[in-house]
Amino acid sequence: MNTAEKRVLVLVLSLFFVGTLVRFSPWDLPEIGSVPVEFRDSPEQEIFLQKKEEKSIENTEIIIENEKIAVKKEKKSKKKPKISFPIAINTASLDVLCAIPGVGPKMAEKIISYRKTHGPLKKEADLLKISGIGKKKSKIILKSIKFD
């Protein structure tokens, strides 16, 4: 047996001994909830909790009928606009441009800024003038767009 194995054996035996000692010890550990705990929140935590409560109350409707109170929460749902392809690239908004394969938010912003400065895109060559769009990306984008 080498020294590393001896150390592991000593560690295992000592852990076994401590576990046995704790298991059969004459004293009991306190039960959960028997020890009073006092939390001292910082002012930042209080403000966070108040804002959280305000947000949960905003979209709540209280209905009182026949002395019964019911609380109805409205669910916020973001409706995504239906997008049909091909997309008119000269009139599309940022969200609609992001739906085009190969176009993310930054690329959509570049397309919009190009439209504002140079006017509407008329052909594939105009698309290639936008920084970040090369031949490969333009082929992908051309499948999903139309020029007005």
Protein backbone atom coordinates (compact mmCIF):
# COMPACT_ATOMS: atom_id res chain seq x y z
CA MET A 1 0.00 0.00 0.00
CA ASN A 2 1.51 3.33 -1.03
CA THR A 3 1.19 6.64 0.85
CA ALA A 4 -1.71 7.97 -1.26
CA GLU A 5 -3.76 4.84 -0.54
CA LYS A 6 -2.94 5.09 3.17
CA ARG A 7 -4.16 8.71 3.25
CA VAL A 8 -7.42 7.79 1.53
CA LEU A 9 -7.94 4.91 3.98
CA VAL A 10 -7.32 7.21 6.97
CA LEU A 11 -9.75 9.77 5.54
CA VAL A 12 -12.47 7.17 4.97
CA LEU A 13 -12.07 5.70 8.45
CA SER A 14 -12.11 9.13 10.09
CA LEU A 15 -15.27 10.13 8.18
CA PHE A 16 -16.89 6.83 9.17
CA PHE A 17 -15.98 7.46 12.82
CA VAL A 18 -17.32 11.04 12.78
CA GLY A 19 -20.54 9.91 11.07
CA THR A 20 -21.09 7.17 13.64
CA LEU A 21 -20.38 9.61 16.48
CA VAL A 22 -22.92 12.13 15.13
CA ARG A 23 -25.53 9.44 14.42
CA PHE A 24 -25.46 7.94 17.93
CA SER A 25 -24.68 11.10 19.87
CA PRO A 26 -26.77 11.85 22.97
CA TRP A 27 -27.59 15.42 21.89
CA ASP A 28 -30.24 16.38 19.33
CA LEU A 29 -29.95 18.93 16.59
CA PRO A 30 -32.52 21.74 16.68
CA GLU A 31 -35.57 21.25 14.49
CA ILE A 32 -36.15 23.52 11.56
CA GLY A 33 -38.33 26.44 12.61
CA SER A 34 -37.62 26.10 16.33
CA VAL A 35 -34.87 28.71 16.24
CA PRO A 36 -36.18 32.25 15.64
CA VAL A 37 -34.49 33.88 12.69
CA GLU A 38 -34.59 37.61 12.11
CA PHE A 39 -33.94 38.95 8.63
CA ARG A 40 -32.64 42.44 8.25
CA ASP A 41 -33.27 43.61 4.73
CA SER A 42 -31.32 46.39 3.19
CA PRO A 43 -33.22 49.40 1.76
CA GLU A 44 -32.35 48.21 -1.75
CA GLN A 45 -34.06 44.86 -1.10
CA GLU A 46 -37.18 46.62 0.23
CA ILE A 47 -37.40 48.81 -2.88
CA PHE A 48 -36.97 45.74 -5.08
CA LEU A 49 -39.77 43.90 -3.25
CA GLN A 50 -42.08 46.93 -3.48
CA LYS A 51 -41.49 47.23 -7.23
CA LYS A 52 -42.14 43.52 -7.63
CA GLU A 53 -45.45 43.86 -5.76
CA GLU A 54 -46.43 46.88 -7.87
CA LYS A 55 -45.77 44.96 -11.06
CA SER A 56 -47.90 42.05 -9.90
CA ILE A 57 -50.78 44.41 -9.00
CA GLU A 58 -50.77 46.38 -12.28
CA ASN A 59 -52.65 43.87 -14.41
CA THR A 60 -55.04 42.62 -11.74
CA GLU A 61 -58.79 43.05 -11.87
CA ILE A 62 -60.84 42.55 -8.70
CA ILE A 63 -64.39 41.34 -9.19
CA ILE A 64 -66.88 41.65 -6.34
CA GLU A 65 -70.17 39.75 -6.73
CA ASN A 66 -72.55 38.63 -4.00
CA GLU A 67 -69.98 39.25 -1.27
CA LYS A 68 -67.46 37.01 -2.99
CA ILE A 69 -64.17 38.46 -4.10
CA ALA A 70 -62.37 37.06 -7.09
CA VAL A 71 -59.04 38.26 -8.36
CA LYS A 72 -58.44 37.96 -12.08
CA LYS A 73 -54.99 38.56 -13.49
CA GLU A 74 -54.60 39.57 -17.08
CA LYS A 75 -51.88 37.78 -18.94
CA LYS A 76 -49.58 39.84 -21.06
CA SER A 77 -49.07 38.28 -24.41
CA LYS A 78 -46.86 39.72 -27.04
CA LYS A 79 -48.46 39.10 -30.37
CA LYS A 80 -45.95 38.64 -33.11
CA PRO A 81 -47.03 40.03 -36.44
CA LYS A 82 -47.76 37.44 -39.09
CA ILE A 83 -45.08 37.61 -41.69
CA SER A 84 -45.61 36.41 -45.22
CA PHE A 85 -42.73 35.91 -47.58
CA PRO A 86 -41.40 37.46 -49.74
CA ILE A 87 -40.95 40.60 -47.65
CA ALA A 88 -40.88 44.05 -49.25
CA ILE A 89 -37.42 45.14 -48.13
CA ASN A 90 -38.00 48.86 -48.71
CA THR A 91 -41.05 49.13 -46.43
CA ALA A 92 -40.32 46.44 -43.81
CA SER A 93 -39.86 47.40 -40.19
CA LEU A 94 -37.03 46.24 -37.94
CA ASP A 95 -39.02 43.29 -36.53
CA VAL A 96 -40.09 42.12 -39.97
CA LEU A 97 -36.53 42.38 -41.31
CA CYS A 98 -35.32 40.23 -38.41
CA ALA A 99 -37.61 37.44 -39.63
CA ILE A 100 -35.55 37.11 -42.81
CA PRO A 101 -33.08 34.19 -42.57
CA GLY A 102 -29.55 35.51 -42.11
CA VAL A 103 -30.70 38.91 -40.84
CA GLY A 104 -30.45 39.78 -37.16
CA PRO A 105 -31.24 43.01 -35.33
CA LYS A 106 -27.92 44.67 -36.20
CA MET A 107 -28.16 43.74 -39.86
CA ALA A 108 -31.75 44.98 -39.96
CA GLU A 109 -30.60 48.31 -38.52
CA LYS A 110 -27.91 48.52 -41.23
CA ILE A 111 -30.53 47.88 -43.92
CA ILE A 112 -32.82 50.58 -42.52
CA SER A 113 -30.00 53.12 -42.21
CA TYR A 114 -28.93 52.35 -45.80
CA ARG A 115 -32.52 52.94 -46.97
CA LYS A 116 -32.61 56.28 -45.17
CA THR A 117 -29.33 57.53 -46.60
CA HIS A 118 -29.32 56.08 -50.13
CA GLY A 119 -33.01 55.60 -50.86
CA PRO A 120 -34.86 52.38 -51.62
CA LEU A 121 -33.04 49.24 -52.70
CA LYS A 122 -33.76 48.45 -56.34
CA LYS A 123 -31.69 45.37 -57.13
CA GLU A 124 -29.25 42.81 -55.77
CA ALA A 125 -26.27 45.10 -56.30
CA ASP A 126 -27.77 47.59 -53.82
CA LEU A 127 -28.04 44.82 -51.26
CA LEU A 128 -24.35 44.01 -51.69
CA LYS A 129 -23.44 47.63 -50.87
CA ILE A 130 -24.61 47.18 -47.28
CA SER A 131 -21.71 46.32 -44.99
CA GLY A 132 -21.92 42.79 -43.69
CA ILE A 133 -23.76 41.39 -46.70
CA GLY A 134 -21.65 39.43 -49.14
CA LYS A 135 -22.52 37.14 -52.02
CA LYS A 136 -23.44 34.15 -49.84
CA LYS A 137 -25.64 36.11 -47.47
CA SER A 138 -27.27 38.00 -50.33
CA LYS A 139 -28.30 34.70 -51.95
CA ILE A 140 -29.93 33.61 -48.69
CA ILE A 141 -31.66 36.97 -48.22
CA LEU A 142 -32.85 37.20 -51.86
CA LYS A 143 -34.96 34.07 -51.41
CA SER A 144 -37.07 35.86 -48.78
CA ILE A 145 -37.35 39.43 -50.09
CA LYS A 146 -38.75 41.42 -52.97
CA PHE A 147 -37.80 44.84 -54.25
CA ASP A 148 -40.66 47.34 -54.52
